[in-house]
C-alpha cells in the first residue's frame, strides 16, 4: 500500500481551515461545554499535520561570553503562508489541489 504526502501552503490559517472544513477534514464538537476542533481525514486512510508558520534559519545571534545571554542581531524571516502536510492512501481532494507546493527540503515529514 503506497501513501502520498502532500505539502500544502495557504495564504492564511483562516483560508486553510475553510478549505479543510469544505472537504470534511475539519470538524468542531462540544464536549462537556468545551468546544474542540479536530483535523482528520474522513474519506480514506490518511493523516493531517498542521505545521502552521515556518521560520527560516537565517537569524543572526550573538552570545555574551560572560553571561551567556543571547541577543538577536537579525531576526529570522518567516516563509509565506500557512502550511499543512497531508498523507493519503488515495488522491487529495480536488478543492485542496491548488495549494500543493513542492518544497526542496520539507520542514516536517511523516515518518
C-alpha atoms as a PDB file:
ATOM      1  CA  UNK A   1       0.000   0.000   0.000  1.00  0.00           C
ATOM      2  CA  UNK A   2       1.611   3.273  -1.123  1.00  0.00           C
ATOM      3  CA  UNK A   3       0.875   6.580   0.513  1.00  0.00           C
ATOM      4  CA  UNK A   4       1.355  10.037  -0.975  1.00  0.00           C
ATOM      5  CA  UNK A   5       2.413  13.050   1.086  1.00  0.00           C
ATOM      6  CA  UNK A   6       1.019  16.407   0.021  1.00  0.00           C
ATOM      7  CA  UNK A   7       2.616  19.643   1.181  1.00  0.00           C
ATOM      8  CA  UNK A   8       0.089  22.472   1.166  1.00  0.00           C
ATOM      9  CA  UNK A   9       0.560  26.225   1.546  1.00  0.00           C
ATOM     10  CA  UNK A  10      -2.378  28.534   2.128  1.00  0.00           C
ATOM     11  CA  UNK A  11      -2.347  32.328   2.331  1.00  0.00           C
ATOM     12  CA  UNK A  12      -3.580  32.232   5.926  1.00  0.00           C
ATOM     13  CA  UNK A  13      -4.749  29.977   8.729  1.00  0.00           C
ATOM     14  CA  UNK A  14      -8.323  31.074   8.058  1.00  0.00           C
ATOM     15  CA  UNK A  15      -8.114  30.044   4.408  1.00  0.00           C
ATOM     16  CA  UNK A  16      -6.645  26.669   5.386  1.00  0.00           C
ATOM     17  CA  UNK A  17      -9.352  25.983   7.946  1.00  0.00           C
ATOM     18  CA  UNK A  18     -12.080  26.978   5.494  1.00  0.00           C
ATOM     19  CA  UNK A  19     -10.758  24.596   2.851  1.00  0.00           C
ATOM     20  CA  UNK A  20     -10.249  21.743   5.332  1.00  0.00           C
ATOM     21  CA  UNK A  21     -13.802  22.190   6.550  1.00  0.00           C
ATOM     22  CA  UNK A  22     -15.041  22.265   2.941  1.00  0.00           C
ATOM     23  CA  UNK A  23     -13.592  18.794   2.264  1.00  0.00           C
ATOM     24  CA  UNK A  24     -14.666  17.404   5.657  1.00  0.00           C
ATOM     25  CA  UNK A  25     -11.185  17.328   7.228  1.00  0.00           C
ATOM     26  CA  UNK A  26     -12.045  19.815   9.985  1.00  0.00           C
ATOM     27  CA  UNK A  27     -14.854  19.442  12.471  1.00  0.00           C
ATOM     28  CA  UNK A  28     -15.768  21.129  15.707  1.00  0.00           C
ATOM     29  CA  UNK A  29     -17.605  19.367  18.519  1.00  0.00           C
ATOM     30  CA  UNK A  30     -18.581  20.339  22.040  1.00  0.00           C
ATOM     31  CA  UNK A  31     -17.710  18.059  24.957  1.00  0.00           C
ATOM     32  CA  UNK A  32     -18.796  18.978  28.478  1.00  0.00           C
ATOM     33  CA  UNK A  33     -19.412  22.535  27.324  1.00  0.00           C
ATOM     34  CA  UNK A  34     -15.944  22.906  25.777  1.00  0.00           C
ATOM     35  CA  UNK A  35     -15.699  23.400  22.026  1.00  0.00           C
ATOM     36  CA  UNK A  36     -12.907  21.351  20.435  1.00  0.00           C
ATOM     37  CA  UNK A  37     -11.657  21.317  16.852  1.00  0.00           C
ATOM     38  CA  UNK A  38     -10.393  18.143  15.181  1.00  0.00           C
ATOM     39  CA  UNK A  39      -8.442  17.789  11.952  1.00  0.00           C
ATOM     40  CA  UNK A  40      -8.755  14.315  10.472  1.00  0.00           C
ATOM     41  CA  UNK A  41      -9.010  12.586   7.127  1.00  0.00           C
ATOM     42  CA  UNK A  42     -12.518  11.180   6.854  1.00  0.00           C
ATOM     43  CA  UNK A  43     -12.866   9.814   3.321  1.00  0.00           C
ATOM     44  CA  UNK A  44      -9.843   7.479   3.178  1.00  0.00           C
ATOM     45  CA  UNK A  45      -6.798   6.283   5.129  1.00  0.00           C
ATOM     46  CA  UNK A  46      -4.513   9.196   5.948  1.00  0.00           C
ATOM     47  CA  UNK A  47      -3.447  11.838   8.428  1.00  0.00           C
ATOM     48  CA  UNK A  48      -3.001  15.598   8.758  1.00  0.00           C
ATOM     49  CA  UNK A  49      -0.084  17.566  10.211  1.00  0.00           C
ATOM     50  CA  UNK A  50      -0.844  21.217  10.899  1.00  0.00           C
ATOM     51  CA  UNK A  51       2.582  22.832  10.534  1.00  0.00           C
ATOM     52  CA  UNK A  52       1.396  26.454  10.610  1.00  0.00           C
ATOM     53  CA  UNK A  53       4.007  29.171  10.227  1.00  0.00           C
ATOM     54  CA  UNK A  54       7.524  28.218   9.170  1.00  0.00           C
ATOM     55  CA  UNK A  55      10.521  30.356  10.036  1.00  0.00           C
ATOM     56  CA  UNK A  56      13.774  30.282   8.079  1.00  0.00           C
ATOM     57  CA  UNK A  57      17.010  29.510   9.866  1.00  0.00           C
ATOM     58  CA  UNK A  58      18.568  32.806   8.784  1.00  0.00           C
ATOM     59  CA  UNK A  59      18.582  34.796  12.020  1.00  0.00           C
ATOM     60  CA  UNK A  60      21.850  36.172  13.372  1.00  0.00           C
ATOM     61  CA  UNK A  61      22.535  35.935  17.117  1.00  0.00           C
ATOM     62  CA  UNK A  62      25.320  36.983  19.453  1.00  0.00           C
ATOM     63  CA  UNK A  63      26.082  35.312  22.760  1.00  0.00           C
ATOM     64  CA  UNK A  64      27.690  37.193  25.655  1.00  0.00           C
ATOM     65  CA  UNK A  65      30.709  35.120  26.699  1.00  0.00           C
ATOM     66  CA  UNK A  66      30.305  36.069  30.372  1.00  0.00           C
ATOM     67  CA  UNK A  67      26.544  35.944  30.952  1.00  0.00           C
ATOM     68  CA  UNK A  68      25.708  33.548  28.071  1.00  0.00           C
ATOM     69  CA  UNK A  69      22.757  35.786  27.207  1.00  0.00           C
ATOM     70  CA  UNK A  70      21.776  35.669  23.573  1.00  0.00           C
ATOM     71  CA  UNK A  71      20.983  38.850  21.679  1.00  0.00           C
ATOM     72  CA  UNK A  72      19.149  38.835  18.369  1.00  0.00           C
ATOM     73  CA  UNK A  73      21.143  40.826  15.819  1.00  0.00           C
ATOM     74  CA  UNK A  74      18.868  39.993  12.883  1.00  0.00           C
ATOM     75  CA  UNK A  75      15.634  38.081  13.485  1.00  0.00           C
ATOM     76  CA  UNK A  76      14.780  35.052  11.341  1.00  0.00           C
ATOM     77  CA  UNK A  77      12.443  35.606   8.414  1.00  0.00           C
ATOM     78  CA  UNK A  78       9.051  33.937   8.068  1.00  0.00           C
ATOM     79  CA  UNK A  79       8.168  31.913   4.985  1.00  0.00           C
ATOM     80  CA  UNK A  80       4.998  32.935   3.202  1.00  0.00           C
ATOM     81  CA  UNK A  81       1.772  31.192   4.092  1.00  0.00           C
ATOM     82  CA  UNK A  82       0.221  28.705   6.490  1.00  0.00           C
ATOM     83  CA  UNK A  83       1.479  25.156   5.978  1.00  0.00           C
ATOM     84  CA  UNK A  84      -0.231  21.780   6.290  1.00  0.00           C
ATOM     85  CA  UNK A  85       1.028  18.301   5.398  1.00  0.00           C
ATOM     86  CA  UNK A  86      -1.420  15.567   4.482  1.00  0.00           C
ATOM     87  CA  UNK A  87      -0.608  11.912   3.831  1.00  0.00           C
ATOM     88  CA  UNK A  88      -3.212   9.868   1.970  1.00  0.00           C
ATOM     89  CA  UNK A  89      -3.724   6.399   0.606  1.00  0.00           C
ATOM     90  CA  UNK A  90      -5.608   7.824  -2.369  1.00  0.00           C
ATOM     91  CA  UNK A  91      -5.646  11.216  -4.084  1.00  0.00           C
ATOM     92  CA  UNK A  92      -6.005  14.628  -2.455  1.00  0.00           C
ATOM     93  CA  UNK A  93      -9.492  16.174  -2.699  1.00  0.00           C
ATOM     94  CA  UNK A  94      -9.771  18.470  -5.705  1.00  0.00           C
ATOM     95  CA  UNK A  95     -10.535  21.548  -3.571  1.00  0.00           C
ATOM     96  CA  UNK A  96      -7.096  21.249  -1.915  1.00  0.00           C
ATOM     97  CA  UNK A  97      -5.038  20.599  -5.050  1.00  0.00           C
ATOM     98  CA  UNK A  98      -4.406  24.288  -5.925  1.00  0.00           C
ATOM     99  CA  UNK A  99      -2.490  24.618  -2.623  1.00  0.00           C
ATOM    100  CA  UNK A 100       0.099  21.890  -3.322  1.00  0.00           C
ATOM    101  CA  UNK A 101       3.707  23.030  -3.136  1.00  0.00           C
ATOM    102  CA  UNK A 102       6.890  21.031  -3.667  1.00  0.00           C
ATOM    103  CA  UNK A 103       9.480  22.017  -1.056  1.00  0.00           C
ATOM    104  CA  UNK A 104      13.101  21.066  -1.724  1.00  0.00           C
ATOM    105  CA  UNK A 105      13.641  20.384   1.973  1.00  0.00           C
ATOM    106  CA  UNK A 106      10.332  19.854   3.786  1.00  0.00           C
ATOM    107  CA  UNK A 107      10.260  21.358   7.276  1.00  0.00           C
ATOM    108  CA  UNK A 108       8.418  18.322   8.667  1.00  0.00           C
ATOM    109  CA  UNK A 109       7.713  14.916   7.161  1.00  0.00           C
ATOM    110  CA  UNK A 110       5.676  11.862   8.066  1.00  0.00           C
ATOM    111  CA  UNK A 111       7.944   9.120   9.404  1.00  0.00           C
END
